[in-house]
Amino acid sequence: MDPFTLAMWGITLVFTGFALVKNKEKTFQSMKKSKGMMSSMLGSIVSIILLIGLVLALVPPANIEQALGSSNQVVASIIAAIAGSITLIPAFVAFPLVGSLVDAGASIVPGVAFLTTLTMVGVVTFPLEKQEFGAKFALTRNGLSFIFALIIAIGMGVIL
């Protein structure tokens, strides 16, 4: 295990110990509640893992590298950003998906563009947003979010 993961486990165990010392009953109550929440999400998590595996099995790594690799980052980033804007999947699904795509040869910039637009831009939810907040607000928010998502992707490409 990497040092970050070990540190997170250590911090979790320390705070769990503090919680047990402070109020044992509430700590066990919260553990039972989190176990129930996790078991209700288990089906979704397993299906997501299977979906990612299916995508990676059907799309050869050479195609992923060609489409999202470092040779055409500008075009790949714009395509990934558009796909992320249209797609409506939970962020906890997108993180492992992007990690798998990067492992398969995709560049980090298109991956970050996909991930940030996925969480910041909502083409699918636009009608509801327009109804609740008005067309001008919805267009402005989604447009600025798209632009800032690309800026974030470029920044992450520079950093990483």
C-alpha atoms as a PDB file:
ATOM      1  CA  MET A   1       0.000   0.000   0.000  1.00  0.00           C
ATOM      2  CA  ASP A   2       1.130   3.517  -0.708  1.00  0.00           C
ATOM      3  CA  PRO A   3       1.930   5.940   2.158  1.00  0.00           C
ATOM      4  CA  PHE A   4      -1.173   8.068   1.517  1.00  0.00           C
ATOM      5  CA  THR A   5      -3.499   5.084   1.907  1.00  0.00           C
ATOM      6  CA  LEU A   6      -1.695   3.989   5.052  1.00  0.00           C
ATOM      7  CA  ALA A   7      -1.984   7.505   6.469  1.00  0.00           C
ATOM      8  CA  MET A   8      -5.717   7.591   5.724  1.00  0.00           C
ATOM      9  CA  TRP A   9      -6.196   4.233   7.448  1.00  0.00           C
ATOM     10  CA  GLY A  10      -4.219   5.474  10.446  1.00  0.00           C
ATOM     11  CA  ILE A  11      -6.219   8.711  10.715  1.00  0.00           C
ATOM     12  CA  THR A  12      -9.475   6.758  10.393  1.00  0.00           C
ATOM     13  CA  LEU A  13      -8.486   4.342  13.136  1.00  0.00           C
ATOM     14  CA  VAL A  14      -7.387   7.162  15.458  1.00  0.00           C
ATOM     15  CA  PHE A  15     -10.645   9.079  15.029  1.00  0.00           C
ATOM     16  CA  THR A  16     -12.685   5.890  15.394  1.00  0.00           C
ATOM     17  CA  GLY A  17     -10.852   5.224  18.656  1.00  0.00           C
ATOM     18  CA  PHE A  18     -11.654   8.757  19.876  1.00  0.00           C
ATOM     19  CA  ALA A  19     -15.304   8.282  18.922  1.00  0.00           C
ATOM     20  CA  LEU A  20     -15.456   4.958  20.777  1.00  0.00           C
ATOM     21  CA  VAL A  21     -13.959   6.519  23.897  1.00  0.00           C
ATOM     22  CA  LYS A  22     -16.314   9.493  23.753  1.00  0.00           C
ATOM     23  CA  ASN A  23     -19.576   7.629  23.059  1.00  0.00           C
ATOM     24  CA  LYS A  24     -19.464   3.916  22.337  1.00  0.00           C
ATOM     25  CA  GLU A  25     -23.201   3.599  21.651  1.00  0.00           C
ATOM     26  CA  LYS A  26     -23.359   6.414  19.068  1.00  0.00           C
ATOM     27  CA  THR A  27     -20.220   5.135  17.368  1.00  0.00           C
ATOM     28  CA  PHE A  28     -21.665   1.656  16.900  1.00  0.00           C
ATOM     29  CA  GLN A  29     -24.969   3.178  15.801  1.00  0.00           C
ATOM     30  CA  SER A  30     -23.202   5.197  13.101  1.00  0.00           C
ATOM     31  CA  MET A  31     -21.224   2.123  12.032  1.00  0.00           C
ATOM     32  CA  LYS A  32     -24.474   0.174  11.602  1.00  0.00           C
ATOM     33  CA  LYS A  33     -25.962   3.040   9.605  1.00  0.00           C
ATOM     34  CA  SER A  34     -22.906   3.275   7.336  1.00  0.00           C
ATOM     35  CA  LYS A  35     -22.976  -0.510   6.850  1.00  0.00           C
ATOM     36  CA  GLY A  36     -26.588  -0.237   5.691  1.00  0.00           C
ATOM     37  CA  MET A  37     -25.731   2.618   3.331  1.00  0.00           C
ATOM     38  CA  MET A  38     -22.809   0.676   1.898  1.00  0.00           C
ATOM     39  CA  SER A  39     -24.871  -2.468   1.381  1.00  0.00           C
ATOM     40  CA  SER A  40     -27.520  -0.458  -0.467  1.00  0.00           C
ATOM     41  CA  MET A  41     -24.817   0.931  -2.789  1.00  0.00           C
ATOM     42  CA  LEU A  42     -23.068  -2.402  -3.316  1.00  0.00           C
ATOM     43  CA  GLY A  43     -25.164  -3.380  -6.356  1.00  0.00           C
ATOM     44  CA  SER A  44     -24.409  -0.080  -8.061  1.00  0.00           C
ATOM     45  CA  ILE A  45     -20.714  -0.318  -7.317  1.00  0.00           C
ATOM     46  CA  VAL A  46     -20.446  -3.872  -8.651  1.00  0.00           C
ATOM     47  CA  SER A  47     -22.393  -2.961 -11.800  1.00  0.00           C
ATOM     48  CA  ILE A  48     -20.108   0.034 -12.352  1.00  0.00           C
ATOM     49  CA  ILE A  49     -17.020  -2.125 -12.039  1.00  0.00           C
ATOM     50  CA  LEU A  50     -18.519  -4.582 -14.520  1.00  0.00           C
ATOM     51  CA  LEU A  51     -19.424  -1.750 -16.908  1.00  0.00           C
ATOM     52  CA  ILE A  52     -15.894  -0.329 -16.776  1.00  0.00           C
ATOM     53  CA  GLY A  53     -14.493  -3.802 -17.391  1.00  0.00           C
ATOM     54  CA  LEU A  54     -16.851  -4.279 -20.336  1.00  0.00           C
ATOM     55  CA  VAL A  55     -15.880  -0.944 -21.897  1.00  0.00           C
ATOM     56  CA  LEU A  56     -12.180  -1.708 -21.476  1.00  0.00           C
ATOM     57  CA  ALA A  57     -12.679  -5.216 -22.896  1.00  0.00           C
ATOM     58  CA  LEU A  58     -14.601  -4.004 -25.959  1.00  0.00           C
ATOM     59  CA  VAL A  59     -12.428  -0.979 -26.721  1.00  0.00           C
ATOM     60  CA  PRO A  60      -8.799  -1.952 -27.275  1.00  0.00           C
ATOM     61  CA  PRO A  61      -6.186   0.130 -25.404  1.00  0.00           C
ATOM     62  CA  ALA A  62      -4.685   1.159 -28.753  1.00  0.00           C
ATOM     63  CA  ASN A  63      -7.989   2.814 -29.718  1.00  0.00           C
ATOM     64  CA  ILE A  64      -8.216   4.579 -26.351  1.00  0.00           C
ATOM     65  CA  GLU A  65      -4.640   5.800 -26.714  1.00  0.00           C
ATOM     66  CA  GLN A  66      -5.301   6.940 -30.295  1.00  0.00           C
ATOM     67  CA  ALA A  67      -8.513   8.806 -29.378  1.00  0.00           C
ATOM     68  CA  LEU A  68      -7.493  10.203 -26.001  1.00  0.00           C
ATOM     69  CA  GLY A  69      -3.720   9.943 -26.081  1.00  0.00           C
ATOM     70  CA  SER A  70      -1.119  12.664 -26.040  1.00  0.00           C
ATOM     71  CA  SER A  71      -0.899  13.118 -29.840  1.00  0.00           C
ATOM     72  CA  ASN A  72      -4.099  15.141 -30.188  1.00  0.00           C
ATOM     73  CA  GLN A  73      -4.770  16.538 -26.721  1.00  0.00           C
ATOM     74  CA  VAL A  74      -6.742  19.602 -27.816  1.00  0.00           C
ATOM     75  CA  VAL A  75      -9.225  17.647 -29.924  1.00  0.00           C
ATOM     76  CA  ALA A  76      -9.344  14.788 -27.406  1.00  0.00           C
ATOM     77  CA  SER A  77      -9.965  17.206 -24.537  1.00  0.00           C
ATOM     78  CA  ILE A  78     -12.811  18.943 -26.359  1.00  0.00           C
ATOM     79  CA  ILE A  79     -14.408  15.601 -27.299  1.00  0.00           C
ATOM     80  CA  ALA A  80     -14.006  14.327 -23.732  1.00  0.00           C
ATOM     81  CA  ALA A  81     -15.457  17.582 -22.364  1.00  0.00           C
ATOM     82  CA  ILE A  82     -18.478  17.334 -24.647  1.00  0.00           C
ATOM     83  CA  ALA A  83     -18.983  13.675 -23.658  1.00  0.00           C
ATOM     84  CA  GLY A  84     -18.713  14.611 -19.985  1.00  0.00           C
ATOM     85  CA  SER A  85     -21.223  17.439 -20.434  1.00  0.00           C
ATOM     86  CA  ILE A  86     -23.798  15.092 -21.953  1.00  0.00           C
ATOM     87  CA  THR A  87     -23.174  12.104 -19.699  1.00  0.00           C
ATOM     88  CA  LEU A  88     -25.111  11.759 -16.468  1.00  0.00           C
ATOM     89  CA  ILE A  89     -23.302   9.336 -14.179  1.00  0.00           C
ATOM     90  CA  PRO A  90     -22.353   9.734 -10.526  1.00  0.00           C
ATOM     91  CA  ALA A  91     -18.904  11.122  -9.791  1.00  0.00           C
ATOM     92  CA  PHE A  92     -17.940   8.026  -7.798  1.00  0.00           C
ATOM     93  CA  VAL A  93     -18.367   6.074 -11.028  1.00  0.00           C
ATOM     94  CA  ALA A  94     -16.431   8.571 -13.130  1.00  0.00           C
ATOM     95  CA  PHE A  95     -13.280   8.531 -11.006  1.00  0.00           C
ATOM     96  CA  PRO A  96     -12.512   4.819 -11.500  1.00  0.00           C
ATOM     97  CA  LEU A  97     -13.576   5.064 -15.150  1.00  0.00           C
ATOM     98  CA  VAL A  98     -11.140   7.907 -15.824  1.00  0.00           C
ATOM     99  CA  GLY A  99      -8.421   6.080 -13.896  1.00  0.00           C
ATOM    100  CA  SER A 100      -8.965   3.000 -16.047  1.00  0.00           C
ATOM    101  CA  LEU A 101      -8.897   5.083 -19.240  1.00  0.00           C
ATOM    102  CA  VAL A 102      -5.625   6.737 -18.175  1.00  0.00           C
ATOM    103  CA  ASP A 103      -4.167   3.316 -17.372  1.00  0.00           C
ATOM    104  CA  ALA A 104      -5.239   2.177 -20.853  1.00  0.00           C
ATOM    105  CA  GLY A 105      -3.316   5.000 -22.522  1.00  0.00           C
ATOM    106  CA  ALA A 106      -5.525   8.085 -22.364  1.00  0.00           C
ATOM    107  CA  SER A 107      -3.816  11.363 -21.562  1.00  0.00           C
ATOM    108  CA  ILE A 108      -4.568  13.027 -18.246  1.00  0.00           C
ATOM    109  CA  VAL A 109      -5.893  16.270 -19.796  1.00  0.00           C
ATOM    110  CA  PRO A 110      -8.838  14.674 -21.656  1.00  0.00           C
ATOM    111  CA  GLY A 111      -9.552  12.541 -18.583  1.00  0.00           C
ATOM    112  CA  VAL A 112      -9.742  15.598 -16.356  1.00  0.00           C
ATOM    113  CA  ALA A 113     -11.813  17.433 -18.993  1.00  0.00           C
ATOM    114  CA  PHE A 114     -14.296  14.540 -18.969  1.00  0.00           C
ATOM    115  CA  LEU A 115     -14.371  14.368 -15.196  1.00  0.00           C
ATOM    116  CA  THR A 116     -14.792  18.091 -14.560  1.00  0.00           C
ATOM    117  CA  THR A 117     -17.478  18.619 -17.185  1.00  0.00           C
ATOM    118  CA  LEU A 118     -19.255  15.538 -15.893  1.00  0.00           C
ATOM    119  CA  THR A 119     -19.621  17.135 -12.481  1.00  0.00           C
ATOM    120  CA  MET A 120     -19.907  20.807 -13.503  1.00  0.00           C
ATOM    121  CA  VAL A 121     -21.917  20.916 -16.753  1.00  0.00           C
ATOM    122  CA  GLY A 122     -25.400  19.501 -17.123  1.00  0.00           C
ATOM    123  CA  VAL A 123     -26.799  19.164 -20.630  1.00  0.00           C
ATOM    124  CA  VAL A 124     -29.197  16.434 -19.483  1.00  0.00           C
ATOM    125  CA  THR A 125     -30.361  18.465 -16.492  1.00  0.00           C
ATOM    126  CA  PHE A 126     -30.546  21.734 -18.460  1.00  0.00           C
ATOM    127  CA  PRO A 127     -34.370  21.709 -18.901  1.00  0.00           C
ATOM    128  CA  LEU A 128     -34.912  21.430 -15.146  1.00  0.00           C
ATOM    129  CA  GLU A 129     -32.287  24.074 -14.419  1.00  0.00           C
ATOM    130  CA  LYS A 130     -33.865  26.367 -17.027  1.00  0.00           C
ATOM    131  CA  GLN A 131     -37.293  25.873 -15.486  1.00  0.00           C
ATOM    132  CA  GLU A 132     -36.112  26.570 -11.946  1.00  0.00           C
ATOM    133  CA  PHE A 133     -33.563  29.351 -12.516  1.00  0.00           C
ATOM    134  CA  GLY A 134     -34.302  30.723 -15.969  1.00  0.00           C
ATOM    135  CA  ALA A 135     -32.687  30.230 -19.365  1.00  0.00           C
ATOM    136  CA  LYS A 136     -30.136  33.040 -19.022  1.00  0.00           C
ATOM    137  CA  PHE A 137     -28.813  31.725 -15.713  1.00  0.00           C
ATOM    138  CA  ALA A 138     -28.714  28.097 -16.903  1.00  0.00           C
ATOM    139  CA  LEU A 139     -26.892  28.978 -20.136  1.00  0.00           C
ATOM    140  CA  THR A 140     -24.425  31.249 -18.350  1.00  0.00           C
ATOM    141  CA  ARG A 141     -23.684  28.727 -15.617  1.00  0.00           C
ATOM    142  CA  ASN A 142     -23.236  25.812 -18.018  1.00  0.00           C
ATOM    143  CA  GLY A 143     -21.149  27.862 -20.462  1.00  0.00           C
ATOM    144  CA  LEU A 144     -18.830  29.176 -17.766  1.00  0.00           C
ATOM    145  CA  SER A 145     -18.614  25.727 -16.200  1.00  0.00           C
ATOM    146  CA  PHE A 146     -17.568  24.244 -19.550  1.00  0.00           C
ATOM    147  CA  ILE A 147     -14.865  26.880 -20.017  1.00  0.00           C
ATOM    148  CA  PHE A 148     -13.577  26.526 -16.455  1.00  0.00           C
ATOM    149  CA  ALA A 149     -13.590  22.734 -16.772  1.00  0.00           C
ATOM    150  CA  LEU A 150     -11.253  23.033 -19.763  1.00  0.00           C
ATOM    151  CA  ILE A 151      -9.046  25.477 -17.838  1.00  0.00           C
ATOM    152  CA  ILE A 152      -8.909  23.035 -14.911  1.00  0.00           C
ATOM    153  CA  ALA A 153      -7.982  20.202 -17.307  1.00  0.00           C
ATOM    154  CA  ILE A 154      -5.180  22.251 -18.835  1.00  0.00           C
ATOM    155  CA  GLY A 155      -3.960  23.218 -15.353  1.00  0.00           C
ATOM    156  CA  MET A 156      -3.914  19.585 -14.254  1.00  0.00           C
ATOM    157  CA  GLY A 157      -2.000  18.705 -17.413  1.00  0.00           C
ATOM    158  CA  VAL A 158       0.634  21.263 -16.501  1.00  0.00           C
ATOM    159  CA  ILE A 159       0.800  20.141 -12.860  1.00  0.00           C
ATOM    160  CA  LEU A 160       0.846  16.411 -13.545  1.00  0.00           C
END
